[in-house]
Protein backbone atom coordinates (compact mmCIF):
# COMPACT_ATOMS: atom_id res chain seq x y z
CA MET A 1 -10.59 0.38 59.35
CA GLU A 2 -13.17 3.05 58.62
CA GLN A 3 -16.61 3.15 60.25
CA LYS A 4 -19.69 4.71 58.65
CA LEU A 5 -23.30 4.75 59.76
CA ALA A 6 -25.90 3.51 57.32
CA LEU A 7 -29.26 5.26 57.67
CA GLY A 8 -27.71 7.19 60.53
CA LYS A 9 -27.65 4.27 62.97
CA TYR A 10 -26.25 1.03 61.48
CA PRO A 11 -22.45 0.75 61.71
CA ILE A 12 -20.58 -0.36 58.61
CA PHE A 13 -16.87 -1.07 58.81
CA SER A 14 -14.72 -0.99 55.70
CA HIS A 15 -11.06 -1.32 54.89
CA GLU A 16 -9.66 -0.59 51.44
CA VAL A 17 -6.84 -2.81 50.20
CA ASN A 18 -4.83 -2.16 47.05
CA LYS A 19 -4.71 -5.04 44.59
CA ASN A 20 -0.92 -5.23 44.60
CA SER A 21 -0.76 -5.40 48.41
CA CYS A 22 -3.29 -8.23 48.78
CA LYS A 23 -1.99 -11.80 49.05
CA TYR A 24 -5.21 -13.21 47.57
CA LYS A 25 -5.63 -13.13 43.80
CA THR A 26 -9.38 -13.78 43.39
CA ALA A 27 -12.58 -12.65 45.06
CA SER A 28 -13.33 -16.29 45.97
CA GLU A 29 -10.05 -16.55 47.90
CA ILE A 30 -10.91 -13.39 49.83
CA VAL A 31 -14.43 -14.63 50.61
CA ASN A 32 -13.07 -17.99 51.79
CA TYR A 33 -10.57 -16.24 54.05
CA LEU A 34 -13.28 -14.02 55.55
CA LYS A 35 -15.65 -16.97 56.07
CA THR A 36 -12.86 -18.83 57.89
CA GLN A 37 -12.30 -15.80 60.13
CA ILE A 38 -16.04 -15.60 60.84
CA ASP A 39 -16.29 -19.33 61.61
CA ASN A 40 -13.38 -19.04 64.06
CA ASN A 41 -14.84 -16.08 65.97
CA PRO A 42 -17.80 -16.81 68.31
CA MET A 43 -18.65 -13.09 68.53
CA VAL A 44 -19.68 -12.79 64.87
CA ALA A 45 -22.14 -14.54 62.59
CA PHE A 46 -22.11 -15.22 58.87
CA ILE A 47 -25.07 -13.53 57.17
CA GLY A 48 -24.58 -14.23 53.49
CA ILE A 49 -22.79 -13.47 50.25
CA PHE A 50 -24.29 -11.15 47.65
CA ASP A 51 -22.92 -11.60 44.15
CA HIS A 52 -23.40 -8.12 42.73
CA TYR A 53 -22.02 -9.09 39.32
CA ALA A 54 -24.42 -12.03 38.88
CA HIS A 55 -27.33 -9.89 40.06
CA THR A 56 -26.50 -7.08 37.63
CA LYS A 57 -25.94 -9.55 34.79
CA LYS A 58 -29.36 -11.10 35.45
CA LEU A 59 -30.98 -7.64 35.31
CA ILE A 60 -29.22 -6.85 32.04
CA LEU A 61 -30.38 -10.17 30.55
CA LEU A 62 -33.93 -9.41 31.71
CA VAL A 63 -33.85 -6.01 29.98
CA GLU A 64 -32.38 -7.61 26.84
CA PHE A 65 -35.16 -10.22 26.89
CA GLN A 66 -37.79 -7.49 27.22
CA VAL A 67 -36.29 -5.61 24.25
CA ILE A 68 -36.24 -8.78 22.13
CA PHE A 69 -39.83 -9.53 23.16
CA LEU A 70 -40.88 -6.01 22.17
CA ILE A 71 -39.16 -6.36 18.78
CA LEU A 72 -40.90 -9.71 18.20
CA LYS A 73 -44.23 -8.21 19.23
CA ILE A 74 -43.76 -5.33 16.76
CA SER A 75 -42.70 -7.81 14.05
CA PHE A 76 -45.80 -9.96 14.60
CA PHE A 77 -47.98 -6.84 14.50
CA ALA A 78 -46.38 -5.86 11.17
CA LEU A 79 -46.87 -9.40 9.80
CA ASP A 80 -50.51 -9.39 10.94
CA LEU A 81 -51.07 -6.03 9.26
CA LYS A 82 -49.46 -7.31 6.03
CA PHE A 83 -51.65 -10.43 6.23
CA GLN A 84 -54.79 -8.29 6.66
CA ILE A 85 -53.82 -6.17 3.65
CA LEU A 86 -53.17 -9.31 1.57
CA ILE A 87 -56.53 -10.82 2.55
CA SER A 88 -58.34 -7.60 1.74
CA LEU A 89 -56.64 -7.44 -1.68
CA LEU A 90 -57.32 -11.09 -2.44
CA PHE A 91 -60.98 -10.96 -1.45
CA ASP A 92 -61.54 -7.32 -2.40
CA GLN A 93 -62.71 -6.43 1.11
CA ASP A 94 -62.38 -3.15 2.92
CA LEU A 95 -59.47 -3.23 5.39
CA LEU A 96 -61.43 -1.37 8.06
CA GLU A 97 -64.27 -3.94 8.33
């Protein structure tokens, strides 16, 4: 077990385990084991589970959505400009009016 201090004062304990030496095959199995250990120890408390993968995936989807929105916005601007040019040609009006 290795101890580090976060922000110079908060202890963080970590222990690295190689995949081939772990008896659990999935992250869910490991989390369930740890939750059981926490539930059985009155000196500790369960705080929560942070799904880093789901969080990162959500951020990537948000960025992808923003890119798609920007492309659509540019496309609508181009269509509007084409429409204005068509109207000006059909009605022989100046485009800058």
